[in-house]
Amino acid sequence: MKTLYFFLALTFISFISCDNETVPDSFSFGLENDFKINGEYHSTDNSVQFKITEINDSRCPSDVVCVWEGKVDVKIQVESPVSGIITLSTYDNRVDTVGNYSFKLIDVSPYPISTKTIKLDEYDVTLKIVELAD
């Protein structure tokens, strides 16, 4: 009987752990990495630190016909090596630079549907950050 309770508890814990997907707080240059709003992130060599402070999603839901596709704006506050705020957009500004670093917006998910409200902490922002040559 104890074995059965242990097995049930282990199964329950494994289901819970699969549900909580964590995003690491460090990233590597030149690779696509996922980030969350208000997370504090740094490069693996600690040369860049930033956080995403705003996500504004006005994309047309996938199950609706719209005149305009809409856009997502992502505001990033870079804290080091130099301070700066950039806003990347799926519409007209996918790439911006701060100091010697280029930030490219690859994707923002999930894509909206009309029957579901997406909470800010549910968004994954995929960025590619590249160190530029001096």
Protein backbone atom coordinates (compact mmCIF):
# COMPACT_ATOMS: atom_id res chain seq x y z
CA MET A 1 0.00 0.00 0.00
CA LYS A 2 2.88 2.37 0.81
CA THR A 3 4.30 1.64 -2.64
CA LEU A 4 1.01 2.66 -4.26
CA TYR A 5 0.91 5.97 -2.33
CA PHE A 6 4.54 6.64 -3.22
CA PHE A 7 3.84 5.94 -6.91
CA LEU A 8 0.78 8.22 -6.92
CA ALA A 9 2.70 11.01 -5.19
CA LEU A 10 5.59 10.68 -7.65
CA THR A 11 3.19 10.76 -10.61
CA PHE A 12 1.45 13.85 -9.23
CA ILE A 13 4.75 15.66 -8.71
CA SER A 14 5.92 14.84 -12.23
CA PHE A 15 2.72 16.31 -13.72
CA ILE A 16 3.14 19.49 -11.70
CA SER A 17 6.78 19.90 -12.68
CA CYS A 18 5.94 19.56 -16.39
CA ASP A 19 3.50 22.43 -16.09
CA ASN A 20 5.97 24.98 -14.72
CA GLU A 21 8.31 25.83 -17.57
CA THR A 22 11.16 28.02 -16.37
CA VAL A 23 13.24 30.33 -18.50
CA PRO A 24 16.91 30.55 -17.51
CA ASP A 25 18.16 33.97 -16.45
CA SER A 26 21.32 33.77 -18.58
CA PHE A 27 21.69 33.65 -22.35
CA SER A 28 24.35 33.10 -24.99
CA PHE A 29 25.12 35.56 -27.79
CA GLY A 30 24.13 34.63 -31.33
CA LEU A 31 21.46 32.13 -30.29
CA GLU A 32 17.69 32.49 -30.14
CA ASN A 33 16.64 32.62 -26.48
CA ASP A 34 13.23 32.91 -24.79
CA PHE A 35 12.56 35.62 -22.21
CA LYS A 36 9.66 36.62 -19.94
CA ILE A 37 8.41 40.03 -18.88
CA ASN A 38 10.08 41.44 -15.74
CA GLY A 39 12.74 38.73 -15.66
CA GLU A 40 16.28 39.96 -15.04
CA TYR A 41 18.63 38.49 -17.66
CA HIS A 42 22.37 38.52 -18.21
CA SER A 43 24.73 37.10 -20.80
CA THR A 44 26.76 34.08 -19.79
CA ASP A 45 29.84 36.32 -19.54
CA ASN A 46 27.84 39.00 -17.61
CA SER A 47 28.65 41.70 -20.17
CA VAL A 48 24.97 42.52 -20.86
CA GLN A 49 22.08 42.82 -18.42
CA PHE A 50 18.49 43.67 -19.33
CA LYS A 51 14.84 43.07 -18.60
CA ILE A 52 11.65 43.22 -20.63
CA THR A 53 9.44 45.87 -19.06
CA GLU A 54 6.43 45.99 -21.41
CA ILE A 55 4.65 43.82 -23.96
CA ASN A 56 1.83 45.41 -25.96
CA ASP A 57 0.06 42.90 -28.19
CA SER A 58 -2.41 44.25 -30.74
CA ARG A 59 -2.15 41.37 -33.24
CA CYS A 60 -5.30 40.20 -34.97
CA PRO A 61 -6.45 36.95 -33.31
CA SER A 62 -5.85 33.87 -35.44
CA ASP A 63 -9.55 32.98 -35.52
CA VAL A 64 -10.73 36.43 -36.71
CA VAL A 65 -10.52 38.17 -40.09
CA CYS A 66 -9.01 41.65 -39.69
CA VAL A 67 -8.21 44.53 -42.01
CA TRP A 68 -4.74 44.85 -40.42
CA GLU A 69 -2.55 42.11 -38.95
CA GLY A 70 -1.61 44.17 -35.91
CA LYS A 71 1.70 44.12 -34.08
CA VAL A 72 3.50 43.38 -30.83
CA ASP A 73 5.74 45.97 -29.21
CA VAL A 74 8.35 44.79 -26.69
CA LYS A 75 10.11 47.36 -24.49
CA ILE A 76 13.55 46.34 -23.21
CA GLN A 77 15.48 48.15 -20.50
CA VAL A 78 19.20 47.50 -20.91
CA GLU A 79 21.06 48.02 -17.64
CA SER A 80 24.66 47.29 -18.65
CA PRO A 81 27.19 47.78 -20.17
CA VAL A 82 25.36 51.01 -21.05
CA SER A 83 21.87 52.02 -19.99
CA GLY A 84 19.19 52.39 -22.59
CA ILE A 85 15.62 51.59 -23.49
CA ILE A 86 14.67 50.11 -26.84
CA THR A 87 11.30 49.11 -28.26
CA LEU A 88 11.22 46.26 -30.75
CA SER A 89 8.15 45.65 -32.91
CA THR A 90 6.90 42.90 -35.17
CA TYR A 91 5.65 45.63 -37.50
CA ASP A 92 8.48 48.02 -38.22
CA ASN A 93 11.43 47.67 -35.85
CA ARG A 94 12.59 44.10 -35.32
CA VAL A 95 16.24 45.08 -34.69
CA ASP A 96 17.82 47.77 -32.53
CA THR A 97 21.19 48.30 -30.87
CA VAL A 98 22.43 49.46 -27.49
CA GLY A 99 26.16 50.00 -27.23
CA ASN A 100 27.90 47.16 -29.08
CA TYR A 101 24.92 44.81 -28.86
CA SER A 102 22.17 44.11 -31.38
CA PHE A 103 18.76 42.92 -30.16
CA LYS A 104 16.56 41.17 -32.75
CA LEU A 105 12.93 40.26 -32.10
CA ILE A 106 12.34 36.77 -33.52
CA ASP A 107 8.90 35.89 -32.14
CA VAL A 108 6.32 36.58 -29.44
CA SER A 109 4.09 33.70 -28.39
CA PRO A 110 1.41 32.63 -27.82
CA TYR A 111 -0.44 34.08 -30.77
CA PRO A 112 -3.77 35.58 -29.69
CA ILE A 113 -7.14 33.93 -30.22
CA SER A 114 -10.40 35.77 -29.64
CA THR A 115 -11.70 33.45 -26.92
CA LYS A 116 -8.70 33.69 -24.58
CA THR A 117 -7.08 36.57 -22.73
CA ILE A 118 -3.31 36.17 -22.54
CA LYS A 119 -1.73 37.24 -19.26
CA LEU A 120 1.56 39.12 -19.49
CA ASP A 121 3.46 36.37 -17.68
CA GLU A 122 2.29 33.83 -20.28
CA TYR A 123 4.20 35.50 -23.11
CA ASP A 124 7.50 34.13 -24.38
CA VAL A 125 9.63 36.69 -26.22
CA THR A 126 12.25 35.12 -28.47
CA LEU A 127 15.27 37.36 -29.02
CA LYS A 128 18.61 36.93 -30.74
CA ILE A 129 21.27 39.12 -29.12
CA VAL A 130 24.55 39.58 -30.95
CA GLU A 131 27.75 41.29 -29.84
CA LEU A 132 28.83 43.65 -32.62
CA ALA A 133 32.46 44.10 -33.64
CA ASP A 134 34.24 47.14 -32.21
